[in-house]
Amino acid sequence: MSALKPVLPAAFAAGAVLRTPGRTLTSGDFAAIINATWENGPLHTDDVYMSETGFGRRILGGPCLIAISAGLTSPTMYASWAAAGLDCHAALGMDEVRYEAPVFENDTITVDIEVDTLEPTPGGSAFVGKVRDIVRKQDGTTVLTMRRGYLLKPIAENA
């Protein structure tokens, strides 16, 4: 029997693909994120209404899924940045957000983070890193895609 080896984070670099751990979204998660975002339309809160739609049950609101996905990616991204000697100083924005399929209670989601680019800023003191997130359910169905950008600085400069 061989000893277990730790899995080290992949360094943040163009072409890298990072995967988050999975997260099963419970009814408590739905309630918490709905209360935090006020994304409280009948699609997300009314079981009776939704039983008469093509979905058949409540779905998670898109803005809620973005928030959960961002939180799910955070530990993976920070570990990857640190492995590359970088630290995040700012989120620069989100683009090309697409909701591909519904998310229901008890679905488990993971996020693949594809690193598109890592380029120095004009002054050369920092980098702009751009990623494409692909959020999938347990059956492999893509539920959300989006692009995000970050301002990253070398860790040595933070001291």
N, C-alpha and C. Protein backbone atom coordinates (compact mmCIF):
# COMPACT_ATOMS: atom_id res chain seq x y z
N MET A 1 0.85 -1.18 0.00
CA MET A 1 0.00 0.00 0.00
C MET A 1 0.89 1.24 0.00
N SER A 2 0.67 2.13 -0.97
CA SER A 2 1.50 3.32 -1.07
C SER A 2 0.90 4.46 -0.25
N ALA A 3 1.79 5.35 0.16
CA ALA A 3 1.34 6.51 0.94
C ALA A 3 0.60 7.49 0.04
N LEU A 4 -0.38 8.16 0.61
CA LEU A 4 -1.10 9.18 -0.14
C LEU A 4 -0.20 10.39 -0.35
N LYS A 5 -0.23 10.94 -1.56
CA LYS A 5 0.55 12.13 -1.86
C LYS A 5 -0.39 13.33 -1.90
N PRO A 6 0.04 14.45 -1.33
CA PRO A 6 -0.81 15.64 -1.40
C PRO A 6 -0.93 16.11 -2.85
N VAL A 7 -2.07 16.67 -3.17
CA VAL A 7 -2.28 17.25 -4.49
C VAL A 7 -1.98 18.73 -4.37
N LEU A 8 -0.96 19.17 -5.06
CA LEU A 8 -0.57 20.57 -5.00
C LEU A 8 -1.37 21.36 -6.03
N PRO A 9 -1.67 22.62 -5.75
CA PRO A 9 -2.42 23.42 -6.72
C PRO A 9 -1.59 23.69 -7.96
N ALA A 10 -2.24 23.72 -9.10
CA ALA A 10 -1.57 24.09 -10.34
C ALA A 10 -1.30 25.58 -10.31
N ALA A 11 -0.12 25.98 -10.72
CA ALA A 11 0.21 27.40 -10.76
C ALA A 11 -0.66 28.10 -11.81
N PHE A 12 -1.09 29.30 -11.49
CA PHE A 12 -1.92 30.10 -12.38
C PHE A 12 -1.08 30.51 -13.58
N ALA A 13 -1.44 30.00 -14.75
CA ALA A 13 -0.72 30.31 -15.99
C ALA A 13 -1.67 30.07 -17.15
N ALA A 14 -1.46 30.79 -18.24
CA ALA A 14 -2.30 30.61 -19.43
C ALA A 14 -2.29 29.14 -19.83
N GLY A 15 -3.48 28.62 -20.09
CA GLY A 15 -3.63 27.23 -20.48
C GLY A 15 -3.95 26.27 -19.35
N ALA A 16 -3.73 26.70 -18.11
CA ALA A 16 -4.04 25.84 -16.96
C ALA A 16 -5.55 25.68 -16.83
N VAL A 17 -5.97 24.51 -16.37
CA VAL A 17 -7.38 24.27 -16.06
C VAL A 17 -7.43 23.81 -14.60
N LEU A 18 -8.15 24.56 -13.80
CA LEU A 18 -8.30 24.28 -12.37
C LEU A 18 -9.70 23.77 -12.13
N ARG A 19 -9.87 22.84 -11.20
CA ARG A 19 -11.21 22.34 -10.87
C ARG A 19 -11.45 22.49 -9.38
N THR A 20 -12.63 23.00 -9.06
CA THR A 20 -13.00 23.16 -7.66
C THR A 20 -13.54 21.85 -7.11
N PRO A 21 -13.59 21.73 -5.80
CA PRO A 21 -14.35 20.62 -5.21
C PRO A 21 -15.83 20.82 -5.53
N GLY A 22 -16.62 19.79 -5.37
CA GLY A 22 -18.05 19.89 -5.58
C GLY A 22 -18.77 20.48 -4.38
N ARG A 23 -19.94 20.99 -4.63
CA ARG A 23 -20.80 21.52 -3.56
C ARG A 23 -22.23 21.13 -3.88
N THR A 24 -22.86 20.40 -2.96
CA THR A 24 -24.27 20.06 -3.11
C THR A 24 -25.10 21.19 -2.51
N LEU A 25 -26.02 21.71 -3.30
CA LEU A 25 -26.83 22.86 -2.89
C LEU A 25 -28.11 22.38 -2.22
N THR A 26 -28.20 22.62 -0.95
CA THR A 26 -29.33 22.17 -0.14
C THR A 26 -30.44 23.22 -0.13
N SER A 27 -31.56 22.88 0.46
CA SER A 27 -32.64 23.87 0.61
C SER A 27 -32.17 25.03 1.48
N GLY A 28 -31.29 24.76 2.45
CA GLY A 28 -30.73 25.83 3.27
C GLY A 28 -29.87 26.78 2.45
N ASP A 29 -29.09 26.23 1.51
CA ASP A 29 -28.28 27.08 0.62
C ASP A 29 -29.19 27.97 -0.22
N PHE A 30 -30.26 27.37 -0.77
CA PHE A 30 -31.21 28.15 -1.57
C PHE A 30 -31.77 29.30 -0.73
N ALA A 31 -32.23 29.00 0.48
CA ALA A 31 -32.83 30.02 1.34
C ALA A 31 -31.82 31.12 1.68
N ALA A 32 -30.61 30.72 2.01
CA ALA A 32 -29.59 31.70 2.41
C ALA A 32 -29.25 32.65 1.26
N ILE A 33 -29.02 32.10 0.08
CA ILE A 33 -28.61 32.95 -1.04
C ILE A 33 -29.78 33.80 -1.53
N ILE A 34 -31.00 33.28 -1.49
CA ILE A 34 -32.17 34.07 -1.87
C ILE A 34 -32.34 35.24 -0.89
N ASN A 35 -32.17 34.97 0.40
CA ASN A 35 -32.29 36.05 1.39
C ASN A 35 -31.19 37.09 1.24
N ALA A 36 -29.99 36.66 0.86
CA ALA A 36 -28.87 37.59 0.71
C ALA A 36 -28.99 38.45 -0.55
N THR A 37 -29.58 37.90 -1.61
CA THR A 37 -29.61 38.61 -2.90
C THR A 37 -30.96 39.24 -3.23
N TRP A 38 -31.98 38.86 -2.55
CA TRP A 38 -33.36 39.28 -2.84
C TRP A 38 -33.81 38.80 -4.23
N GLU A 39 -33.21 37.75 -4.72
CA GLU A 39 -33.62 37.11 -5.98
C GLU A 39 -34.80 36.20 -5.63
N ASN A 40 -35.95 36.83 -5.30
CA ASN A 40 -37.04 36.08 -4.66
C ASN A 40 -38.32 35.99 -5.48
N GLY A 41 -38.19 35.93 -6.80
CA GLY A 41 -39.37 35.74 -7.65
C GLY A 41 -39.92 34.33 -7.52
N PRO A 42 -41.11 34.08 -8.05
CA PRO A 42 -41.75 32.78 -7.90
C PRO A 42 -40.95 31.62 -8.52
N LEU A 43 -40.10 31.90 -9.50
CA LEU A 43 -39.26 30.84 -10.07
C LEU A 43 -38.35 30.22 -9.01
N HIS A 44 -38.04 31.00 -7.98
CA HIS A 44 -37.06 30.59 -6.99
C HIS A 44 -37.65 30.29 -5.62
N THR A 45 -38.91 30.70 -5.40
CA THR A 45 -39.47 30.59 -4.04
C THR A 45 -40.83 29.91 -3.94
N ASP A 46 -41.51 29.69 -5.06
CA ASP A 46 -42.90 29.22 -5.01
C ASP A 46 -43.03 27.81 -5.59
N ASP A 47 -43.08 26.80 -4.69
CA ASP A 47 -43.18 25.40 -5.11
C ASP A 47 -44.44 25.14 -5.93
N VAL A 48 -45.56 25.71 -5.52
CA VAL A 48 -46.83 25.47 -6.22
C VAL A 48 -46.77 26.04 -7.63
N TYR A 49 -46.35 27.28 -7.75
CA TYR A 49 -46.22 27.90 -9.07
C TYR A 49 -45.30 27.08 -9.96
N MET A 50 -44.16 26.70 -9.45
CA MET A 50 -43.16 25.99 -10.26
C MET A 50 -43.60 24.58 -10.63
N SER A 51 -44.51 23.98 -9.83
CA SER A 51 -44.99 22.64 -10.17
C SER A 51 -45.78 22.64 -11.47
N GLU A 52 -46.25 23.81 -11.88
CA GLU A 52 -47.04 23.93 -13.10
C GLU A 52 -46.23 24.43 -14.29
N THR A 53 -44.90 24.51 -14.13
CA THR A 53 -44.04 24.97 -15.23
C THR A 53 -43.27 23.79 -15.81
N GLY A 54 -42.56 24.02 -16.87
CA GLY A 54 -41.73 22.98 -17.47
C GLY A 54 -40.60 22.52 -16.58
N PHE A 55 -40.22 23.35 -15.61
CA PHE A 55 -39.17 22.95 -14.68
C PHE A 55 -39.68 21.98 -13.63
N GLY A 56 -40.95 22.12 -13.23
CA GLY A 56 -41.56 21.23 -12.25
C GLY A 56 -41.22 21.51 -10.81
N ARG A 57 -40.20 22.31 -10.56
CA ARG A 57 -39.79 22.65 -9.19
C ARG A 57 -38.95 23.93 -9.23
N ARG A 58 -38.69 24.46 -8.05
CA ARG A 58 -37.94 25.71 -7.95
C ARG A 58 -36.55 25.58 -8.55
N ILE A 59 -36.08 26.68 -9.15
CA ILE A 59 -34.72 26.74 -9.69
C ILE A 59 -33.94 27.83 -8.97
N LEU A 60 -32.63 27.68 -8.96
CA LEU A 60 -31.77 28.69 -8.37
C LEU A 60 -31.65 29.86 -9.33
N GLY A 61 -31.78 31.08 -8.84
CA GLY A 61 -31.66 32.27 -9.68
C GLY A 61 -30.24 32.42 -10.22
N GLY A 62 -30.14 32.93 -11.43
CA GLY A 62 -28.84 33.11 -12.07
C GLY A 62 -27.86 33.92 -11.24
N PRO A 63 -28.26 35.11 -10.74
CA PRO A 63 -27.33 35.88 -9.91
C PRO A 63 -26.88 35.10 -8.67
N CYS A 64 -27.76 34.26 -8.13
CA CYS A 64 -27.39 33.43 -6.99
C CYS A 64 -26.33 32.42 -7.39
N LEU A 65 -26.49 31.83 -8.56
CA LEU A 65 -25.52 30.85 -9.05
C LEU A 65 -24.15 31.50 -9.28
N ILE A 66 -24.15 32.73 -9.78
CA ILE A 66 -22.88 33.45 -9.95
C ILE A 66 -22.19 33.60 -8.60
N ALA A 67 -22.93 34.03 -7.59
CA ALA A 67 -22.35 34.24 -6.26
C ALA A 67 -21.81 32.93 -5.68
N ILE A 68 -22.58 31.86 -5.79
CA ILE A 68 -22.13 30.57 -5.26
C ILE A 68 -20.90 30.10 -6.02
N SER A 69 -20.89 30.26 -7.33
CA SER A 69 -19.75 29.83 -8.14
C SER A 69 -18.50 30.62 -7.79
N ALA A 70 -18.65 31.93 -7.60
CA ALA A 70 -17.50 32.76 -7.22
C ALA A 70 -16.94 32.30 -5.88
N GLY A 71 -17.81 32.02 -4.94
CA GLY A 71 -17.35 31.53 -3.64
C GLY A 71 -16.69 30.17 -3.74
N LEU A 72 -17.24 29.31 -4.58
CA LEU A 72 -16.69 27.96 -4.75
C LEU A 72 -15.30 28.02 -5.38
N THR A 73 -15.06 28.98 -6.27
CA THR A 73 -13.77 29.08 -6.95
C THR A 73 -12.69 29.75 -6.09
N SER A 74 -13.08 30.51 -5.10
CA SER A 74 -12.13 31.33 -4.35
C SER A 74 -10.95 30.54 -3.78
N PRO A 75 -11.15 29.46 -3.02
CA PRO A 75 -9.98 28.75 -2.47
C PRO A 75 -9.06 28.19 -3.55
N THR A 76 -9.64 27.68 -4.63
CA THR A 76 -8.85 27.12 -5.73
C THR A 76 -8.03 28.21 -6.41
N MET A 77 -8.66 29.36 -6.66
CA MET A 77 -7.97 30.46 -7.32
C MET A 77 -6.83 31.00 -6.44
N TYR A 78 -7.10 31.22 -5.15
CA TYR A 78 -6.05 31.76 -4.28
C TYR A 78 -4.88 30.79 -4.17
N ALA A 79 -5.14 29.49 -4.11
CA ALA A 79 -4.06 28.51 -4.07
C ALA A 79 -3.25 28.54 -5.37
N SER A 80 -3.93 28.66 -6.50
CA SER A 80 -3.26 28.70 -7.79
C SER A 80 -2.43 29.98 -7.94
N TRP A 81 -2.99 31.11 -7.51
CA TRP A 81 -2.24 32.35 -7.57
C TRP A 81 -0.98 32.25 -6.70
N ALA A 82 -1.15 31.74 -5.48
CA ALA A 82 0.00 31.60 -4.57
C ALA A 82 1.06 30.68 -5.17
N ALA A 83 0.64 29.59 -5.81
CA ALA A 83 1.60 28.67 -6.44
C ALA A 83 2.38 29.36 -7.55
N ALA A 84 1.80 30.40 -8.14
CA ALA A 84 2.48 31.17 -9.19
C ALA A 84 3.21 32.39 -8.63
N GLY A 85 3.17 32.57 -7.30
CA GLY A 85 3.82 33.73 -6.69
C GLY A 85 3.04 35.02 -6.84
N LEU A 86 1.72 34.90 -6.96
CA LEU A 86 0.86 36.06 -7.17
C LEU A 86 -0.18 36.18 -6.08
N ASP A 87 -0.69 37.39 -5.92
CA ASP A 87 -1.78 37.65 -4.99
C ASP A 87 -2.80 38.53 -5.71
N CYS A 88 -4.07 38.30 -5.43
CA CYS A 88 -5.14 39.06 -6.07
C CYS A 88 -5.33 40.40 -5.36
N HIS A 89 -5.33 41.47 -6.15
CA HIS A 89 -5.54 42.80 -5.59
C HIS A 89 -6.88 43.40 -5.99
N ALA A 90 -7.52 42.86 -7.04
CA ALA A 90 -8.83 43.36 -7.44
C ALA A 90 -9.47 42.42 -8.44
N ALA A 91 -10.79 42.31 -8.33
CA ALA A 91 -11.57 41.67 -9.40
C ALA A 91 -11.87 42.77 -10.40
N LEU A 92 -11.68 42.48 -11.69
CA LEU A 92 -11.83 43.51 -12.72
C LEU A 92 -13.17 43.45 -13.43
N GLY A 93 -13.89 42.36 -13.29
CA GLY A 93 -15.20 42.31 -13.92
C GLY A 93 -15.56 40.93 -14.43
N MET A 94 -16.81 40.85 -14.89
CA MET A 94 -17.38 39.63 -15.45
C MET A 94 -17.96 39.95 -16.81
N ASP A 95 -17.79 39.04 -17.74
CA ASP A 95 -18.33 39.22 -19.08
C ASP A 95 -18.91 37.89 -19.57
N GLU A 96 -19.70 37.99 -20.61
CA GLU A 96 -20.20 36.82 -21.32
C GLU A 96 -20.86 35.79 -20.39
N VAL A 97 -21.67 36.27 -19.46
CA VAL A 97 -22.37 35.39 -18.53
C VAL A 97 -23.53 34.73 -19.27
N ARG A 98 -23.58 33.40 -19.22
CA ARG A 98 -24.64 32.65 -19.89
C ARG A 98 -25.17 31.57 -18.94
N TYR A 99 -26.48 31.58 -18.76
CA TYR A 99 -27.14 30.53 -17.98
C TYR A 99 -27.56 29.45 -18.96
N GLU A 100 -27.01 28.27 -18.83
CA GLU A 100 -27.19 27.21 -19.82
C GLU A 100 -28.28 26.21 -19.45
N ALA A 101 -28.46 25.96 -18.16
CA ALA A 101 -29.44 24.96 -17.70
C ALA A 101 -29.80 25.27 -16.25
N PRO A 102 -30.98 24.81 -15.79
CA PRO A 102 -31.39 25.11 -14.42
C PRO A 102 -30.60 24.33 -13.38
N VAL A 103 -30.53 24.91 -12.19
CA VAL A 103 -29.96 24.26 -11.02
C VAL A 103 -31.07 24.11 -10.00
N PHE A 104 -31.21 22.89 -9.48
CA PHE A 104 -32.25 22.56 -8.50
C PHE A 104 -31.62 22.24 -7.15
N GLU A 105 -32.45 22.25 -6.11
CA GLU A 105 -31.98 21.78 -4.80
C GLU A 105 -31.41 20.38 -4.95
N ASN A 106 -30.34 20.13 -4.21
CA ASN A 106 -29.62 18.86 -4.17
C ASN A 106 -28.78 18.56 -5.41
N ASP A 107 -28.68 19.51 -6.34
CA ASP A 107 -27.69 19.37 -7.40
C ASP A 107 -26.32 19.65 -6.80
N THR A 108 -25.31 18.97 -7.31
CA THR A 108 -23.93 19.21 -6.91
C THR A 108 -23.22 19.87 -8.07
N ILE A 109 -22.57 21.00 -7.79
CA ILE A 109 -21.88 21.72 -8.86
C ILE A 109 -20.38 21.73 -8.61
N THR A 110 -19.64 21.78 -9.70
CA THR A 110 -18.19 22.01 -9.69
C THR A 110 -17.91 23.08 -10.74
N VAL A 111 -16.75 23.69 -10.63
CA VAL A 111 -16.36 24.71 -11.60
C VAL A 111 -15.00 24.36 -12.17
N ASP A 112 -14.94 24.32 -13.50
CA ASP A 112 -13.66 24.27 -14.19
C ASP A 112 -13.27 25.70 -14.50
N ILE A 113 -12.07 26.07 -14.12
CA ILE A 113 -11.56 27.42 -14.33
C ILE A 113 -10.45 27.31 -15.38
N GLU A 114 -10.75 27.79 -16.57
CA GLU A 114 -9.76 27.76 -17.65
C GLU A 114 -9.04 29.10 -17.67
N VAL A 115 -7.73 29.07 -17.47
CA VAL A 115 -6.95 30.31 -17.47
C VAL A 115 -6.67 30.68 -18.92
N ASP A 116 -7.27 31.78 -19.36
CA ASP A 116 -7.10 32.24 -20.75
C ASP A 116 -5.78 32.98 -20.94
N THR A 117 -5.57 34.01 -20.13
CA THR A 117 -4.38 34.84 -20.30
C THR A 117 -3.83 35.29 -18.96
N LEU A 118 -2.55 35.55 -18.94
CA LEU A 118 -1.88 36.19 -17.81
C LEU A 118 -0.84 37.12 -18.44
N GLU A 119 -1.17 38.42 -18.45
CA GLU A 119 -0.33 39.38 -19.15
C GLU A 119 0.06 40.52 -18.21
N PRO A 120 1.29 41.03 -18.38
CA PRO A 120 1.71 42.15 -17.53
C PRO A 120 0.93 43.42 -17.86
N THR A 121 0.73 44.24 -16.85
CA THR A 121 0.12 45.56 -17.06
C THR A 121 1.13 46.44 -17.80
N PRO A 122 0.69 47.56 -18.37
CA PRO A 122 1.62 48.43 -19.12
C PRO A 122 2.86 48.84 -18.33
N GLY A 123 2.73 49.10 -17.05
CA GLY A 123 3.90 49.48 -16.24
C GLY A 123 4.73 48.29 -15.81
N GLY A 124 4.20 47.09 -15.95
CA GLY A 124 4.94 45.88 -15.61
C GLY A 124 4.97 45.52 -14.14
N SER A 125 4.26 46.27 -13.30
CA SER A 125 4.30 45.99 -11.86
C SER A 125 3.25 44.99 -11.42
N ALA A 126 2.34 44.62 -12.32
CA ALA A 126 1.25 43.70 -11.98
C ALA A 126 0.89 42.91 -13.25
N PHE A 127 -0.10 42.05 -13.08
CA PHE A 127 -0.58 41.24 -14.19
C PHE A 127 -2.10 41.30 -14.23
N VAL A 128 -2.65 41.11 -15.41
CA VAL A 128 -4.09 40.90 -15.56
C VAL A 128 -4.28 39.44 -15.95
N GLY A 129 -5.01 38.72 -15.12
CA GLY A 129 -5.32 37.32 -15.40
C GLY A 129 -6.79 37.20 -15.79
N LYS A 130 -7.04 36.52 -16.88
CA LYS A 130 -8.41 36.32 -17.34
C LYS A 130 -8.72 34.84 -17.40
N VAL A 131 -9.92 34.49 -16.90
CA VAL A 131 -10.35 33.09 -16.84
C VAL A 131 -11.72 32.93 -17.47
N ARG A 132 -12.02 31.71 -17.84
CA ARG A 132 -13.35 31.30 -18.26
C ARG A 132 -13.81 30.23 -17.29
N ASP A 133 -14.95 30.47 -16.65
CA ASP A 133 -15.53 29.51 -15.72
C ASP A 133 -16.59 28.68 -16.43
N ILE A 134 -16.57 27.39 -16.19
CA ILE A 134 -17.60 26.48 -16.68
C ILE A 134 -18.14 25.74 -15.48
N VAL A 135 -19.39 26.03 -15.13
CA VAL A 135 -20.04 25.42 -13.97
C VAL A 135 -20.88 24.26 -14.47
N ARG A 136 -20.66 23.08 -13.84
CA ARG A 136 -21.38 21.87 -14.25
C ARG A 136 -22.07 21.21 -13.07
N LYS A 137 -23.18 20.54 -13.40
CA LYS A 137 -23.88 19.72 -12.41
C LYS A 137 -23.26 18.33 -12.39
N GLN A 138 -23.72 17.53 -11.44
CA GLN A 138 -23.20 16.19 -11.22
C GLN A 138 -23.28 15.29 -12.45
N ASP A 139 -24.21 15.55 -13.35
CA ASP A 139 -24.34 14.71 -14.56
C ASP A 139 -23.53 15.25 -15.73
N GLY A 140 -22.75 16.31 -15.50
CA GLY A 140 -21.91 16.89 -16.54
C GLY A 140 -22.56 18.02 -17.31
N THR A 141 -23.84 18.28 -17.06
CA THR A 141 -24.54 19.37 -17.75
C THR A 141 -23.92 20.71 -17.37
N THR A 142 -23.59 21.51 -18.38
CA THR A 142 -23.10 22.86 -18.14
C THR A 142 -24.29 23.74 -17.76
N VAL A 143 -24.17 24.44 -16.61
CA VAL A 143 -25.27 25.29 -16.14
C VAL A 143 -24.95 26.77 -16.23
N LEU A 144 -23.66 27.12 -16.27
CA LEU A 144 -23.26 28.52 -16.32
C LEU A 144 -21.88 28.61 -16.94
N THR A 145 -21.69 29.60 -17.81
CA THR A 145 -20.35 29.95 -18.27
C THR A 145 -20.20 31.46 -18.11
N MET A 146 -18.98 31.88 -17.82
CA MET A 146 -18.69 33.31 -17.71
C MET A 146 -17.19 33.52 -17.78
N ARG A 147 -16.81 34.74 -18.08
CA ARG A 147 -15.40 35.14 -18.09
C ARG A 147 -15.20 36.17 -16.98
N ARG A 148 -14.03 36.07 -16.33
CA ARG A 148 -13.70 37.02 -15.26
C ARG A 148 -12.26 37.48 -15.41
N GLY A 149 -11.96 38.65 -14.87
CA GLY A 149 -10.61 39.17 -14.90
C GLY A 149 -10.17 39.63 -13.51
N TYR A 150 -8.84 39.56 -13.27
CA TYR A 150 -8.28 39.89 -11.96
C TYR A 150 -6.99 40.68 -12.13
N LEU A 151 -6.75 41.60 -11.20
CA LEU A 151 -5.47 42.29 -11.11
C LEU A 151 -4.63 41.52 -10.10
N LEU A 152 -3.49 41.03 -10.55
CA LEU A 152 -2.63 40.19 -9.72
C LEU A 152 -1.25 40.84 -9.59
N LYS A 153 -0.72 40.79 -8.36
CA LYS A 153 0.62 41.36 -8.13
C LYS A 153 1.53 40.29 -7.56
N PRO A 154 2.82 40.36 -7.88
CA PRO A 154 3.77 39.41 -7.30
C PRO A 154 3.74 39.50 -5.78
N ILE A 155 3.82 38.36 -5.12
CA ILE A 155 3.76 38.32 -3.65
C ILE A 155 4.92 39.09 -3.04
N ALA A 156 6.10 39.04 -3.62
CA ALA A 156 7.27 39.73 -3.07
C ALA A 156 7.03 41.23 -2.95
N GLU A 157 6.21 41.80 -3.81
CA GLU A 157 5.93 43.24 -3.77
C GLU A 157 4.96 43.61 -2.66
N ASN A 158 4.29 42.63 -2.08
CA ASN A 158 3.29 42.91 -1.05
C ASN A 158 3.90 43.15 0.31
N ALA A 159 5.15 42.75 0.49
CA ALA A 159 5.78 42.82 1.81
C ALA A 159 6.16 44.25 2.17
